[in-house]
Amino acid sequence: SKISTARTSEERCEGDKTAARDSRGEAHGSRSSAALMAQMIFVPMTRDDARALRSGAGADRYPGCAATPGLAASLEADTVLEEVEYAALSNAGVLALILKPYAPRLVVAAEVPEEHVRDLSQPYGEVEVSGLVWAQVRALFADEPDARRAVSFASEAVTGESLATALAAPEVAAVLDNHDLLWFAPEELDQL
């Protein structure tokens, strides 16, 4: 599954290069363009959580995963942003097993302003996001139908554990090795 992003990191950086310049050629607006940069985050939710977010009744804060410096540092040196984002998506899928037990996995991918994301400085890209709204959602990732039994078994084994502990569990490894999260458009929420 490919992660859909509205803009690549190169396009985000391009915005910094095109900041307004005054008559002396000095850049203005660099600070404000940095504030406008967005970050792709991956938030585990239940279907009811996602419907509440869509209706405007979502939570103030959500735990999730993102392509943080800590996650990037834990991967190979030549790893590109899309691969770090895929690792964040995978880790959010595991976070769903921990935080949303006995529910089919659902991960909401959203592009949010960086100032709404608090990096928890963990090697697996754990973050807390505030101010999340449905308009920021770019994709949904959900389990394929035949994953239900393995996901339930893994969730039972790791509910309440840390992400690091869950990633080391053989039940979680079986889910990650055999069951991909499938991509869905945000408009498909009610069909999941």
C-alpha atoms as a PDB file:
ATOM      1  CA  SER A   1       0.000   0.000   0.000  1.00  0.00           C
ATOM      2  CA  LYS A   2       1.329   3.421  -0.917  1.00  0.00           C
ATOM      3  CA  ILE A   3       0.886   6.317   1.478  1.00  0.00           C
ATOM      4  CA  SER A   4      -0.938   9.195  -0.168  1.00  0.00           C
ATOM      5  CA  THR A   5       0.456  12.597   0.729  1.00  0.00           C
ATOM      6  CA  ALA A   6      -0.787  15.922  -0.532  1.00  0.00           C
ATOM      7  CA  ARG A   7       2.754  17.199  -0.827  1.00  0.00           C
ATOM      8  CA  THR A   8       6.178  15.616  -0.722  1.00  0.00           C
ATOM      9  CA  SER A   9       8.899  16.833   1.623  1.00  0.00           C
ATOM     10  CA  GLU A  10      10.620  18.450  -1.368  1.00  0.00           C
ATOM     11  CA  GLU A  11       7.456  20.423  -2.167  1.00  0.00           C
ATOM     12  CA  ARG A  12       7.189  21.475   1.481  1.00  0.00           C
ATOM     13  CA  CYS A  13      10.766  22.753   1.390  1.00  0.00           C
ATOM     14  CA  GLU A  14      10.108  24.553  -1.890  1.00  0.00           C
ATOM     15  CA  GLY A  15       7.646  26.775  -0.014  1.00  0.00           C
ATOM     16  CA  ASP A  16      10.505  27.988   2.188  1.00  0.00           C
ATOM     17  CA  LYS A  17      12.552  28.929  -0.889  1.00  0.00           C
ATOM     18  CA  THR A  18       9.738  31.044  -2.317  1.00  0.00           C
ATOM     19  CA  ALA A  19       9.270  33.262   0.739  1.00  0.00           C
ATOM     20  CA  ALA A  20       8.567  36.882  -0.173  1.00  0.00           C
ATOM     21  CA  ARG A  21      11.665  39.037  -0.608  1.00  0.00           C
ATOM     22  CA  ASP A  22      11.952  42.728   0.081  1.00  0.00           C
ATOM     23  CA  SER A  23      13.635  45.316  -2.175  1.00  0.00           C
ATOM     24  CA  ARG A  24      17.062  44.282  -0.831  1.00  0.00           C
ATOM     25  CA  GLY A  25      16.366  40.647  -1.698  1.00  0.00           C
ATOM     26  CA  GLU A  26      16.098  39.528   1.917  1.00  0.00           C
ATOM     27  CA  ALA A  27      13.628  36.776   2.686  1.00  0.00           C
ATOM     28  CA  HIS A  28      10.471  37.530   4.606  1.00  0.00           C
ATOM     29  CA  GLY A  29       7.906  35.038   5.724  1.00  0.00           C
ATOM     30  CA  SER A  30      10.345  32.173   6.306  1.00  0.00           C
ATOM     31  CA  ARG A  31       9.066  31.818   9.813  1.00  0.00           C
ATOM     32  CA  SER A  32       5.419  31.818   8.751  1.00  0.00           C
ATOM     33  CA  SER A  33       6.011  29.342   5.921  1.00  0.00           C
ATOM     34  CA  ALA A  34       7.679  27.004   8.409  1.00  0.00           C
ATOM     35  CA  ALA A  35       4.574  27.265  10.590  1.00  0.00           C
ATOM     36  CA  LEU A  36       2.484  26.275   7.581  1.00  0.00           C
ATOM     37  CA  MET A  37       4.448  23.068   6.984  1.00  0.00           C
ATOM     38  CA  ALA A  38       2.457  19.909   7.535  1.00  0.00           C
ATOM     39  CA  GLN A  39       3.381  16.478   8.808  1.00  0.00           C
ATOM     40  CA  MET A  40       1.762  13.151   7.955  1.00  0.00           C
ATOM     41  CA  ILE A  41       0.635  11.380  11.114  1.00  0.00           C
ATOM     42  CA  PHE A  42      -0.950   7.969  11.612  1.00  0.00           C
ATOM     43  CA  VAL A  43      -3.556   7.611  14.350  1.00  0.00           C
ATOM     44  CA  PRO A  44      -5.083   4.296  15.475  1.00  0.00           C
ATOM     45  CA  MET A  45      -8.832   4.568  15.959  1.00  0.00           C
ATOM     46  CA  THR A  46     -11.927   2.458  16.204  1.00  0.00           C
ATOM     47  CA  ARG A  47     -14.609   2.974  13.560  1.00  0.00           C
ATOM     48  CA  ASP A  48     -16.631   4.883  16.183  1.00  0.00           C
ATOM     49  CA  ASP A  49     -13.634   7.137  16.941  1.00  0.00           C
ATOM     50  CA  ALA A  50     -13.304   7.931  13.217  1.00  0.00           C
ATOM     51  CA  ARG A  51     -17.031   8.653  12.869  1.00  0.00           C
ATOM     52  CA  ALA A  52     -16.844  10.989  15.878  1.00  0.00           C
ATOM     53  CA  LEU A  53     -13.887  12.796  14.298  1.00  0.00           C
ATOM     54  CA  ARG A  54     -15.820  13.108  11.028  1.00  0.00           C
ATOM     55  CA  SER A  55     -18.856  14.542  12.829  1.00  0.00           C
ATOM     56  CA  GLY A  56     -16.732  17.123  14.663  1.00  0.00           C
ATOM     57  CA  ALA A  57     -16.969  15.393  18.030  1.00  0.00           C
ATOM     58  CA  GLY A  58     -13.440  13.952  18.080  1.00  0.00           C
ATOM     59  CA  ALA A  59     -11.054  13.934  21.033  1.00  0.00           C
ATOM     60  CA  ASP A  60      -8.786  16.873  21.837  1.00  0.00           C
ATOM     61  CA  ARG A  61      -5.653  14.707  21.572  1.00  0.00           C
ATOM     62  CA  TYR A  62      -4.765  11.407  19.944  1.00  0.00           C
ATOM     63  CA  PRO A  63      -1.747   9.125  20.264  1.00  0.00           C
ATOM     64  CA  GLY A  64      -0.195   8.109  16.979  1.00  0.00           C
ATOM     65  CA  CYS A  65       2.994   7.664  15.005  1.00  0.00           C
ATOM     66  CA  ALA A  66       4.837   9.845  12.516  1.00  0.00           C
ATOM     67  CA  ALA A  67       8.112  10.031  10.608  1.00  0.00           C
ATOM     68  CA  THR A  68       9.968  11.568  13.539  1.00  0.00           C
ATOM     69  CA  PRO A  69      13.728  12.106  13.763  1.00  0.00           C
ATOM     70  CA  GLY A  70      13.867   9.262  16.321  1.00  0.00           C
ATOM     71  CA  LEU A  71      12.151   6.834  13.960  1.00  0.00           C
ATOM     72  CA  ALA A  72      14.332   7.923  11.030  1.00  0.00           C
ATOM     73  CA  ALA A  73      17.464   7.439  13.157  1.00  0.00           C
ATOM     74  CA  SER A  74      16.394   3.889  14.026  1.00  0.00           C
ATOM     75  CA  LEU A  75      16.288   2.965  10.313  1.00  0.00           C
ATOM     76  CA  GLU A  76      19.086   2.687   7.768  1.00  0.00           C
ATOM     77  CA  ALA A  77      20.934   5.918   6.934  1.00  0.00           C
ATOM     78  CA  ASP A  78      19.732   6.049   3.308  1.00  0.00           C
ATOM     79  CA  THR A  79      16.044   5.574   4.175  1.00  0.00           C
ATOM     80  CA  VAL A  80      13.820   8.043   2.304  1.00  0.00           C
ATOM     81  CA  LEU A  81      10.843   9.900   3.812  1.00  0.00           C
ATOM     82  CA  GLU A  82       8.249   7.582   2.242  1.00  0.00           C
ATOM     83  CA  GLU A  83       9.928   4.564   3.892  1.00  0.00           C
ATOM     84  CA  VAL A  84       9.999   6.311   7.270  1.00  0.00           C
ATOM     85  CA  GLU A  85       6.295   7.152   6.834  1.00  0.00           C
ATOM     86  CA  TYR A  86       5.574   3.499   5.973  1.00  0.00           C
ATOM     87  CA  ALA A  87       7.374   2.443   9.182  1.00  0.00           C
ATOM     88  CA  ALA A  88       5.256   4.984  11.108  1.00  0.00           C
ATOM     89  CA  LEU A  89       2.086   3.543   9.537  1.00  0.00           C
ATOM     90  CA  SER A  90       3.149   0.020  10.473  1.00  0.00           C
ATOM     91  CA  ASN A  91       3.921   1.107  14.044  1.00  0.00           C
ATOM     92  CA  ALA A  92       0.537   2.852  14.291  1.00  0.00           C
ATOM     93  CA  GLY A  93      -1.040  -0.439  13.234  1.00  0.00           C
ATOM     94  CA  VAL A  94       0.714  -2.095  16.167  1.00  0.00           C
ATOM     95  CA  LEU A  95      -0.345   0.766  18.437  1.00  0.00           C
ATOM     96  CA  ALA A  96      -3.922  -0.056  17.407  1.00  0.00           C
ATOM     97  CA  LEU A  97      -3.429  -3.584  18.780  1.00  0.00           C
ATOM     98  CA  ILE A  98      -2.300  -2.095  22.114  1.00  0.00           C
ATOM     99  CA  LEU A  99      -4.775   0.766  22.509  1.00  0.00           C
ATOM    100  CA  LYS A 100      -7.874  -0.522  20.697  1.00  0.00           C
ATOM    101  CA  PRO A 101      -8.139  -4.156  21.824  1.00  0.00           C
ATOM    102  CA  TYR A 102     -10.674  -6.493  20.267  1.00  0.00           C
ATOM    103  CA  ALA A 103     -11.423  -4.049  17.447  1.00  0.00           C
ATOM    104  CA  PRO A 104     -10.380  -4.454  13.822  1.00  0.00           C
ATOM    105  CA  ARG A 105      -7.364  -2.246  13.183  1.00  0.00           C
ATOM    106  CA  LEU A 106      -8.052   1.153  11.644  1.00  0.00           C
ATOM    107  CA  VAL A 107      -5.355   3.776  11.147  1.00  0.00           C
ATOM    108  CA  VAL A 108      -6.256   7.284  10.045  1.00  0.00           C
ATOM    109  CA  ALA A 109      -3.566   9.044   7.997  1.00  0.00           C
ATOM    110  CA  ALA A 110      -3.794  12.819   8.293  1.00  0.00           C
ATOM    111  CA  GLU A 111      -1.668  15.755   7.289  1.00  0.00           C
ATOM    112  CA  VAL A 112      -1.560  18.212  10.166  1.00  0.00           C
ATOM    113  CA  PRO A 113       0.391  21.388  10.977  1.00  0.00           C
ATOM    114  CA  GLU A 114       3.668  20.502  12.666  1.00  0.00           C
ATOM    115  CA  GLU A 115       2.800  22.653  15.683  1.00  0.00           C
ATOM    116  CA  HIS A 116      -0.090  20.255  16.426  1.00  0.00           C
ATOM    117  CA  VAL A 117       2.280  17.292  16.708  1.00  0.00           C
ATOM    118  CA  ARG A 118       4.247  16.588  19.882  1.00  0.00           C
ATOM    119  CA  ASP A 119       7.140  14.194  19.306  1.00  0.00           C
ATOM    120  CA  LEU A 120       7.376  11.865  22.311  1.00  0.00           C
ATOM    121  CA  SER A 121      11.076  11.265  21.475  1.00  0.00           C
ATOM    122  CA  GLN A 122      10.703   7.521  21.131  1.00  0.00           C
ATOM    123  CA  PRO A 123      12.563   5.380  18.575  1.00  0.00           C
ATOM    124  CA  TYR A 124       9.302   4.102  17.054  1.00  0.00           C
ATOM    125  CA  GLY A 125       7.889   7.485  16.023  1.00  0.00           C
ATOM    126  CA  GLU A 126       5.316   7.880  18.782  1.00  0.00           C
ATOM    127  CA  VAL A 127       3.598  11.276  18.809  1.00  0.00           C
ATOM    128  CA  GLU A 128       0.598  13.019  20.287  1.00  0.00           C
ATOM    129  CA  VAL A 129      -1.544  15.094  17.935  1.00  0.00           C
ATOM    130  CA  SER A 130      -3.914  17.856  18.955  1.00  0.00           C
ATOM    131  CA  GLY A 131      -6.539  19.733  16.981  1.00  0.00           C
ATOM    132  CA  LEU A 132      -7.124  16.901  14.498  1.00  0.00           C
ATOM    133  CA  VAL A 133     -10.107  17.468  12.186  1.00  0.00           C
ATOM    134  CA  TRP A 134     -11.615  15.258   9.489  1.00  0.00           C
ATOM    135  CA  ALA A 135     -10.623  17.655   6.686  1.00  0.00           C
ATOM    136  CA  GLN A 136      -6.975  16.758   7.409  1.00  0.00           C
ATOM    137  CA  VAL A 137      -7.570  13.029   6.837  1.00  0.00           C
ATOM    138  CA  ARG A 138      -5.924  11.834   3.618  1.00  0.00           C
ATOM    139  CA  ALA A 139      -6.484   8.063   3.864  1.00  0.00           C
ATOM    140  CA  LEU A 140      -7.729   5.222   6.016  1.00  0.00           C
ATOM    141  CA  PHE A 141      -5.876   1.956   6.505  1.00  0.00           C
ATOM    142  CA  ALA A 142      -7.796  -1.093   7.697  1.00  0.00           C
ATOM    143  CA  ASP A 143      -7.273  -4.817   8.044  1.00  0.00           C
ATOM    144  CA  GLU A 144      -8.093  -7.185   5.260  1.00  0.00           C
ATOM    145  CA  PRO A 145     -11.039  -9.443   6.220  1.00  0.00           C
ATOM    146  CA  ASP A 146      -8.948 -12.597   6.714  1.00  0.00           C
ATOM    147  CA  ALA A 147      -6.747 -10.854   9.312  1.00  0.00           C
ATOM    148  CA  ARG A 148      -9.424 -10.763  12.006  1.00  0.00           C
ATOM    149  CA  ARG A 149      -8.350 -13.899  13.906  1.00  0.00           C
ATOM    150  CA  ALA A 150      -4.609 -13.058  13.881  1.00  0.00           C
ATOM    151  CA  VAL A 151      -5.297  -9.440  14.870  1.00  0.00           C
ATOM    152  CA  SER A 152      -7.519 -10.510  17.767  1.00  0.00           C
ATOM    153  CA  PHE A 153      -4.872 -13.006  18.963  1.00  0.00           C
ATOM    154  CA  ALA A 154      -2.105 -10.376  18.754  1.00  0.00           C
ATOM    155  CA  SER A 155      -4.199  -7.722  20.468  1.00  0.00           C
ATOM    156  CA  GLU A 156      -4.947 -10.077  23.338  1.00  0.00           C
ATOM    157  CA  ALA A 157      -1.211 -10.705  23.753  1.00  0.00           C
ATOM    158  CA  VAL A 158      -0.113  -7.041  23.810  1.00  0.00           C
ATOM    159  CA  THR A 159      -2.984  -4.942  25.192  1.00  0.00           C
ATOM    160  CA  GLY A 160      -1.527  -2.403  27.607  1.00  0.00           C
ATOM    161  CA  GLU A 161       2.102  -3.086  26.639  1.00  0.00           C
ATOM    162  CA  SER A 162       4.594  -0.543  25.329  1.00  0.00           C
ATOM    163  CA  LEU A 163       5.066  -0.248  21.581  1.00  0.00           C
ATOM    164  CA  ALA A 164       8.606  -1.642  21.906  1.00  0.00           C
ATOM    165  CA  THR A 165       7.336  -4.711  23.780  1.00  0.00           C
ATOM    166  CA  ALA A 166       4.491  -5.229  21.320  1.00  0.00           C
ATOM    167  CA  LEU A 167       6.823  -5.020  18.301  1.00  0.00           C
ATOM    168  CA  ALA A 168       8.891  -7.850  19.821  1.00  0.00           C
ATOM    169  CA  ALA A 169       5.884 -10.148  20.384  1.00  0.00           C
ATOM    170  CA  PRO A 170       5.663 -13.153  18.030  1.00  0.00           C
ATOM    171  CA  GLU A 171       1.889 -12.655  17.686  1.00  0.00           C
ATOM    172  CA  VAL A 172       2.475  -9.128  16.372  1.00  0.00           C
ATOM    173  CA  ALA A 173       5.225 -10.338  14.043  1.00  0.00           C
ATOM    174  CA  ALA A 174       2.739 -12.819  12.574  1.00  0.00           C
ATOM    175  CA  VAL A 175       0.275  -9.999  11.873  1.00  0.00           C
ATOM    176  CA  LEU A 176       2.936  -7.738  10.342  1.00  0.00           C
ATOM    177  CA  ASP A 177       4.355 -10.549   8.197  1.00  0.00           C
ATOM    178  CA  ASN A 178       1.049 -11.891   6.919  1.00  0.00           C
ATOM    179  CA  HIS A 179      -1.567  -9.122   6.987  1.00  0.00           C
ATOM    180  CA  ASP A 180      -1.134  -5.716   5.382  1.00  0.00           C
ATOM    181  CA  LEU A 181      -3.288  -2.760   6.242  1.00  0.00           C
ATOM    182  CA  LEU A 182      -5.280  -1.905   3.116  1.00  0.00           C
ATOM    183  CA  TRP A 183      -5.691   1.665   1.819  1.00  0.00           C
ATOM    184  CA  PHE A 184      -9.152   3.260   1.680  1.00  0.00           C
ATOM    185  CA  ALA A 185     -10.272   6.783   0.813  1.00  0.00           C
ATOM    186  CA  PRO A 186     -11.708   8.778   3.739  1.00  0.00           C
ATOM    187  CA  GLU A 187     -15.102   8.707   1.991  1.00  0.00           C
ATOM    188  CA  GLU A 188     -15.145   4.903   2.392  1.00  0.00           C
ATOM    189  CA  LEU A 189     -15.311   4.968   6.204  1.00  0.00           C
ATOM    190  CA  ASP A 190     -18.914   3.744   6.334  1.00  0.00           C
ATOM    191  CA  GLN A 191     -18.076   0.767   4.115  1.00  0.00           C
ATOM    192  CA  LEU A 192     -15.386  -0.519   6.457  1.00  0.00           C
END
